[in-house]
Amino acid sequence: MDKLVSYVRESFGEIVYKVTWPTFEELRKSTVLVLVASVVFAGVVFGMDKLLEEVLGTVYSF
């Protein structure tokens, strides 16, 4: 039980005093970056899907 209490205390101390949390502006920029990258990635996957649909549709029609 002593080890558990010690672990919790040390973890709390590390989170409070050693971790540097991002500012709101950094979080906002990161969020925008992730959203843009996700939309681009989804667009690429959508384009590949439509291209393969056309190619395979042509191949299967023979």
PDB file of N, CA and C in Angstrom:
ATOM      1  N   MET A   1       0.821  -1.196   0.000  1.00  0.00           N
ATOM      2  CA  MET A   1       0.000   0.000   0.000  1.00  0.00           C
ATOM      3  C   MET A   1       0.865   1.260   0.000  1.00  0.00           C
ATOM      4  N   ASP A   2       2.023   1.191   0.691  1.00  0.00           N
ATOM      5  CA  ASP A   2       2.933   2.338   0.720  1.00  0.00           C
ATOM      6  C   ASP A   2       3.429   2.688  -0.678  1.00  0.00           C
ATOM      7  N   LYS A   3       3.681   1.644  -1.472  1.00  0.00           N
ATOM      8  CA  LYS A   3       4.182   1.886  -2.827  1.00  0.00           C
ATOM      9  C   LYS A   3       3.123   2.573  -3.684  1.00  0.00           C
ATOM     10  N   LEU A   4       1.882   2.191  -3.496  1.00  0.00           N
ATOM     11  CA  LEU A   4       0.796   2.798  -4.260  1.00  0.00           C
ATOM     12  C   LEU A   4       0.648   4.271  -3.899  1.00  0.00           C
ATOM     13  N   VAL A   5       0.674   4.588  -2.624  1.00  0.00           N
ATOM     14  CA  VAL A   5       0.547   5.975  -2.167  1.00  0.00           C
ATOM     15  C   VAL A   5       1.724   6.795  -2.686  1.00  0.00           C
ATOM     16  N   SER A   6       2.911   6.229  -2.605  1.00  0.00           N
ATOM     17  CA  SER A   6       4.104   6.909  -3.099  1.00  0.00           C
ATOM     18  C   SER A   6       4.009   7.158  -4.600  1.00  0.00           C
ATOM     19  N   TYR A   7       3.528   6.169  -5.331  1.00  0.00           N
ATOM     20  CA  TYR A   7       3.377   6.294  -6.780  1.00  0.00           C
ATOM     21  C   TYR A   7       2.408   7.414  -7.137  1.00  0.00           C
ATOM     22  N   VAL A   8       1.279   7.468  -6.430  1.00  0.00           N
ATOM     23  CA  VAL A   8       0.275   8.495  -6.700  1.00  0.00           C
ATOM     24  C   VAL A   8       0.830   9.877  -6.378  1.00  0.00           C
ATOM     25  N   ARG A   9       1.520  10.015  -5.265  1.00  0.00           N
ATOM     26  CA  ARG A   9       2.097  11.307  -4.878  1.00  0.00           C
ATOM     27  C   ARG A   9       3.132  11.767  -5.900  1.00  0.00           C
ATOM     28  N   GLU A  10       4.015  10.855  -6.294  1.00  0.00           N
ATOM     29  CA  GLU A  10       5.053  11.208  -7.264  1.00  0.00           C
ATOM     30  C   GLU A  10       4.443  11.545  -8.624  1.00  0.00           C
ATOM     31  N   SER A  11       3.436  10.800  -9.023  1.00  0.00           N
ATOM     32  CA  SER A  11       2.774  11.073 -10.305  1.00  0.00           C
ATOM     33  C   SER A  11       2.098  12.439 -10.280  1.00  0.00           C
ATOM     34  N   PHE A  12       1.407  12.731  -9.194  1.00  0.00           N
ATOM     35  CA  PHE A  12       0.743  14.025  -9.066  1.00  0.00           C
ATOM     36  C   PHE A  12       1.762  15.159  -9.086  1.00  0.00           C
ATOM     37  N   GLY A  13       2.843  14.987  -8.342  1.00  0.00           N
ATOM     38  CA  GLY A  13       3.890  16.013  -8.312  1.00  0.00           C
ATOM     39  C   GLY A  13       4.504  16.232  -9.690  1.00  0.00           C
ATOM     40  N   GLU A  14       4.700  15.163 -10.426  1.00  0.00           N
ATOM     41  CA  GLU A  14       5.273  15.294 -11.766  1.00  0.00           C
ATOM     42  C   GLU A  14       4.312  16.008 -12.705  1.00  0.00           C
ATOM     43  N   ILE A  15       3.032  15.660 -12.626  1.00  0.00           N
ATOM     44  CA  ILE A  15       2.040  16.302 -13.498  1.00  0.00           C
ATOM     45  C   ILE A  15       1.921  17.790 -13.171  1.00  0.00           C
ATOM     46  N   VAL A  16       1.947  18.133 -11.898  1.00  0.00           N
ATOM     47  CA  VAL A  16       1.744  19.526 -11.495  1.00  0.00           C
ATOM     48  C   VAL A  16       2.989  20.373 -11.724  1.00  0.00           C
ATOM     49  N   TYR A  17       4.176  19.833 -11.420  1.00  0.00           N
ATOM     50  CA  TYR A  17       5.372  20.670 -11.401  1.00  0.00           C
ATOM     51  C   TYR A  17       6.337  20.445 -12.569  1.00  0.00           C
ATOM     52  N   LYS A  18       6.293  19.315 -13.238  1.00  0.00           N
ATOM     53  CA  LYS A  18       7.284  19.042 -14.281  1.00  0.00           C
ATOM     54  C   LYS A  18       6.725  19.058 -15.695  1.00  0.00           C
ATOM     55  N   VAL A  19       5.445  18.843 -15.834  1.00  0.00           N
ATOM     56  CA  VAL A  19       4.843  18.804 -17.170  1.00  0.00           C
ATOM     57  C   VAL A  19       4.565  20.229 -17.625  1.00  0.00           C
ATOM     58  N   THR A  20       4.945  20.531 -18.870  1.00  0.00           N
ATOM     59  CA  THR A  20       4.607  21.836 -19.425  1.00  0.00           C
ATOM     60  C   THR A  20       3.377  21.663 -20.313  1.00  0.00           C
ATOM     61  N   TRP A  21       2.301  22.299 -19.912  1.00  0.00           N
ATOM     62  CA  TRP A  21       1.051  22.187 -20.627  1.00  0.00           C
ATOM     63  C   TRP A  21       1.020  23.222 -21.747  1.00  0.00           C
ATOM     64  N   PRO A  22       0.435  22.857 -22.895  1.00  0.00           N
ATOM     65  CA  PRO A  22       0.378  23.823 -24.000  1.00  0.00           C
ATOM     66  C   PRO A  22      -0.581  24.972 -23.688  1.00  0.00           C
ATOM     67  N   THR A  23      -0.278  26.111 -24.307  1.00  0.00           N
ATOM     68  CA  THR A  23      -1.171  27.259 -24.140  1.00  0.00           C
ATOM     69  C   THR A  23      -2.413  27.045 -25.011  1.00  0.00           C
ATOM     70  N   PHE A  24      -3.406  27.892 -24.798  1.00  0.00           N
ATOM     71  CA  PHE A  24      -4.629  27.788 -25.581  1.00  0.00           C
ATOM     72  C   PHE A  24      -4.335  28.008 -27.066  1.00  0.00           C
ATOM     73  N   GLU A  25      -3.449  28.951 -27.367  1.00  0.00           N
ATOM     74  CA  GLU A  25      -3.098  29.239 -28.757  1.00  0.00           C
ATOM     75  C   GLU A  25      -2.399  28.036 -29.405  1.00  0.00           C
ATOM     76  N   GLU A  26      -1.522  27.377 -28.684  1.00  0.00           N
ATOM     77  CA  GLU A  26      -0.860  26.172 -29.214  1.00  0.00           C
ATOM     78  C   GLU A  26      -1.877  25.059 -29.461  1.00  0.00           C
ATOM     79  N   LEU A  27      -2.819  24.900 -28.552  1.00  0.00           N
ATOM     80  CA  LEU A  27      -3.868  23.896 -28.731  1.00  0.00           C
ATOM     81  C   LEU A  27      -4.731  24.207 -29.944  1.00  0.00           C
ATOM     82  N   ARG A  28      -5.064  25.464 -30.124  1.00  0.00           N
ATOM     83  CA  ARG A  28      -5.887  25.875 -31.262  1.00  0.00           C
ATOM     84  C   ARG A  28      -5.175  25.591 -32.574  1.00  0.00           C
ATOM     85  N   LYS A  29      -3.888  25.946 -32.644  1.00  0.00           N
ATOM     86  CA  LYS A  29      -3.118  25.710 -33.867  1.00  0.00           C
ATOM     87  C   LYS A  29      -2.999  24.212 -34.156  1.00  0.00           C
ATOM     88  N   SER A  30      -2.759  23.436 -33.130  1.00  0.00           N
ATOM     89  CA  SER A  30      -2.647  21.991 -33.313  1.00  0.00           C
ATOM     90  C   SER A  30      -3.971  21.392 -33.776  1.00  0.00           C
ATOM     91  N   THR A  31      -5.062  21.882 -33.215  1.00  0.00           N
ATOM     92  CA  THR A  31      -6.382  21.376 -33.595  1.00  0.00           C
ATOM     93  C   THR A  31      -6.682  21.693 -35.053  1.00  0.00           C
ATOM     94  N   VAL A  32      -6.382  22.909 -35.476  1.00  0.00           N
ATOM     95  CA  VAL A  32      -6.599  23.295 -36.868  1.00  0.00           C
ATOM     96  C   VAL A  32      -5.743  22.441 -37.789  1.00  0.00           C
ATOM     97  N   LEU A  33      -4.503  22.216 -37.411  1.00  0.00           N
ATOM     98  CA  LEU A  33      -3.609  21.392 -38.223  1.00  0.00           C
ATOM     99  C   LEU A  33      -4.146  19.972 -38.369  1.00  0.00           C
ATOM    100  N   VAL A  34      -4.616  19.392 -37.284  1.00  0.00           N
ATOM    101  CA  VAL A  34      -5.152  18.028 -37.324  1.00  0.00           C
ATOM    102  C   VAL A  34      -6.420  17.979 -38.182  1.00  0.00           C
ATOM    103  N   LEU A  35      -7.282  18.970 -38.065  1.00  0.00           N
ATOM    104  CA  LEU A  35      -8.500  19.000 -38.870  1.00  0.00           C
ATOM    105  C   LEU A  35      -8.184  19.122 -40.355  1.00  0.00           C
ATOM    106  N   VAL A  36      -7.258  19.997 -40.711  1.00  0.00           N
ATOM    107  CA  VAL A  36      -6.879  20.166 -42.112  1.00  0.00           C
ATOM    108  C   VAL A  36      -6.251  18.882 -42.648  1.00  0.00           C
ATOM    109  N   ALA A  37      -5.339  18.293 -41.893  1.00  0.00           N
ATOM    110  CA  ALA A  37      -4.699  17.053 -42.326  1.00  0.00           C
ATOM    111  C   ALA A  37      -5.727  15.933 -42.484  1.00  0.00           C
ATOM    112  N   SER A  38      -6.706  15.872 -41.601  1.00  0.00           N
ATOM    113  CA  SER A  38      -7.743  14.844 -41.687  1.00  0.00           C
ATOM    114  C   SER A  38      -8.589  15.021 -42.938  1.00  0.00           C
ATOM    115  N   VAL A  39      -8.940  16.262 -43.253  1.00  0.00           N
ATOM    116  CA  VAL A  39      -9.741  16.526 -44.449  1.00  0.00           C
ATOM    117  C   VAL A  39      -8.944  16.185 -45.707  1.00  0.00           C
ATOM    118  N   VAL A  40      -7.673  16.548 -45.739  1.00  0.00           N
ATOM    119  CA  VAL A  40      -6.829  16.220 -46.891  1.00  0.00           C
ATOM    120  C   VAL A  40      -6.706  14.712 -47.041  1.00  0.00           C
ATOM    121  N   PHE A  41      -6.445  14.027 -45.962  1.00  0.00           N
ATOM    122  CA  PHE A  41      -6.313  12.569 -46.000  1.00  0.00           C
ATOM    123  C   PHE A  41      -7.614  11.920 -46.475  1.00  0.00           C
ATOM    124  N   ALA A  42      -8.748  12.397 -45.960  1.00  0.00           N
ATOM    125  CA  ALA A  42     -10.042  11.858 -46.383  1.00  0.00           C
ATOM    126  C   ALA A  42     -10.261  12.115 -47.869  1.00  0.00           C
ATOM    127  N   GLY A  43      -9.855  13.272 -48.359  1.00  0.00           N
ATOM    128  CA  GLY A  43      -9.984  13.577 -49.782  1.00  0.00           C
ATOM    129  C   GLY A  43      -9.132  12.657 -50.646  1.00  0.00           C
ATOM    130  N   VAL A  44      -7.912  12.375 -50.203  1.00  0.00           N
ATOM    131  CA  VAL A  44      -7.040  11.465 -50.940  1.00  0.00           C
ATOM    132  C   VAL A  44      -7.646  10.061 -50.972  1.00  0.00           C
ATOM    133  N   VAL A  45      -8.122   9.585 -49.847  1.00  0.00           N
ATOM    134  CA  VAL A  45      -8.730   8.257 -49.793  1.00  0.00           C
ATOM    135  C   VAL A  45      -9.983   8.213 -50.679  1.00  0.00           C
ATOM    136  N   PHE A  46     -10.792   9.261 -50.637  1.00  0.00           N
ATOM    137  CA  PHE A  46     -11.984   9.330 -51.477  1.00  0.00           C
ATOM    138  C   PHE A  46     -11.602   9.289 -52.959  1.00  0.00           C
ATOM    139  N   GLY A  47     -10.591  10.057 -53.345  1.00  0.00           N
ATOM    140  CA  GLY A  47     -10.127  10.071 -54.727  1.00  0.00           C
ATOM    141  C   GLY A  47      -9.616   8.708 -55.174  1.00  0.00           C
ATOM    142  N   MET A  48      -8.843   8.055 -54.314  1.00  0.00           N
ATOM    143  CA  MET A  48      -8.344   6.714 -54.645  1.00  0.00           C
ATOM    144  C   MET A  48      -9.497   5.735 -54.785  1.00  0.00           C
ATOM    145  N   ASP A  49     -10.491   5.843 -53.929  1.00  0.00           N
ATOM    146  CA  ASP A  49     -11.642   4.951 -53.981  1.00  0.00           C
ATOM    147  C   ASP A  49     -12.397   5.126 -55.302  1.00  0.00           C
ATOM    148  N   LYS A  50     -12.642   6.378 -55.679  1.00  0.00           N
ATOM    149  CA  LYS A  50     -13.369   6.640 -56.924  1.00  0.00           C
ATOM    150  C   LYS A  50     -12.552   6.187 -58.138  1.00  0.00           C
ATOM    151  N   LEU A  51     -11.248   6.411 -58.130  1.00  0.00           N
ATOM    152  CA  LEU A  51     -10.387   5.976 -59.230  1.00  0.00           C
ATOM    153  C   LEU A  51     -10.401   4.460 -59.367  1.00  0.00           C
ATOM    154  N   LEU A  52     -10.242   3.757 -58.257  1.00  0.00           N
ATOM    155  CA  LEU A  52     -10.258   2.296 -58.302  1.00  0.00           C
ATOM    156  C   LEU A  52     -11.628   1.765 -58.702  1.00  0.00           C
ATOM    157  N   GLU A  53     -12.689   2.454 -58.300  1.00  0.00           N
ATOM    158  CA  GLU A  53     -14.043   2.057 -58.698  1.00  0.00           C
ATOM    159  C   GLU A  53     -14.169   2.122 -60.219  1.00  0.00           C
ATOM    160  N   GLU A  54     -13.657   3.188 -60.824  1.00  0.00           N
ATOM    161  CA  GLU A  54     -13.711   3.332 -62.278  1.00  0.00           C
ATOM    162  C   GLU A  54     -12.862   2.277 -62.976  1.00  0.00           C
ATOM    163  N   VAL A  55     -11.636   2.095 -62.499  1.00  0.00           N
ATOM    164  CA  VAL A  55     -10.730   1.130 -63.114  1.00  0.00           C
ATOM    165  C   VAL A  55     -11.289  -0.278 -63.017  1.00  0.00           C
ATOM    166  N   LEU A  56     -11.727  -0.671 -61.834  1.00  0.00           N
ATOM    167  CA  LEU A  56     -12.254  -2.027 -61.667  1.00  0.00           C
ATOM    168  C   LEU A  56     -13.582  -2.204 -62.392  1.00  0.00           C
ATOM    169  N   GLY A  57     -14.386  -1.146 -62.479  1.00  0.00           N
ATOM    170  CA  GLY A  57     -15.628  -1.232 -63.239  1.00  0.00           C
ATOM    171  C   GLY A  57     -15.344  -1.479 -64.715  1.00  0.00           C
ATOM    172  N   THR A  58     -14.310  -0.826 -65.220  1.00  0.00           N
ATOM    173  CA  THR A  58     -13.909  -1.025 -66.609  1.00  0.00           C
ATOM    174  C   THR A  58     -13.382  -2.436 -66.813  1.00  0.00           C
ATOM    175  N   VAL A  59     -12.556  -2.909 -65.905  1.00  0.00           N
ATOM    176  CA  VAL A  59     -11.982  -4.250 -66.021  1.00  0.00           C
ATOM    177  C   VAL A  59     -13.084  -5.301 -65.948  1.00  0.00           C
ATOM    178  N   TYR A  60     -14.014  -5.147 -65.034  1.00  0.00           N
ATOM    179  CA  TYR A  60     -15.072  -6.153 -64.869  1.00  0.00           C
ATOM    180  C   TYR A  60     -16.091  -6.124 -66.001  1.00  0.00           C
ATOM    181  N   SER A  61     -16.171  -5.018 -66.733  1.00  0.00           N
ATOM    182  CA  SER A  61     -17.142  -4.942 -67.817  1.00  0.00           C
ATOM    183  C   SER A  61     -16.702  -5.727 -69.053  1.00  0.00           C
ATOM    184  N   PHE A  62     -15.429  -6.111 -69.078  1.00  0.00           N
ATOM    185  CA  PHE A  62     -14.953  -6.898 -70.240  1.00  0.00           C
ATOM    186  C   PHE A  62     -15.467  -8.280 -70.175  1.00  0.00           C
TER     187      PHE A  62
END
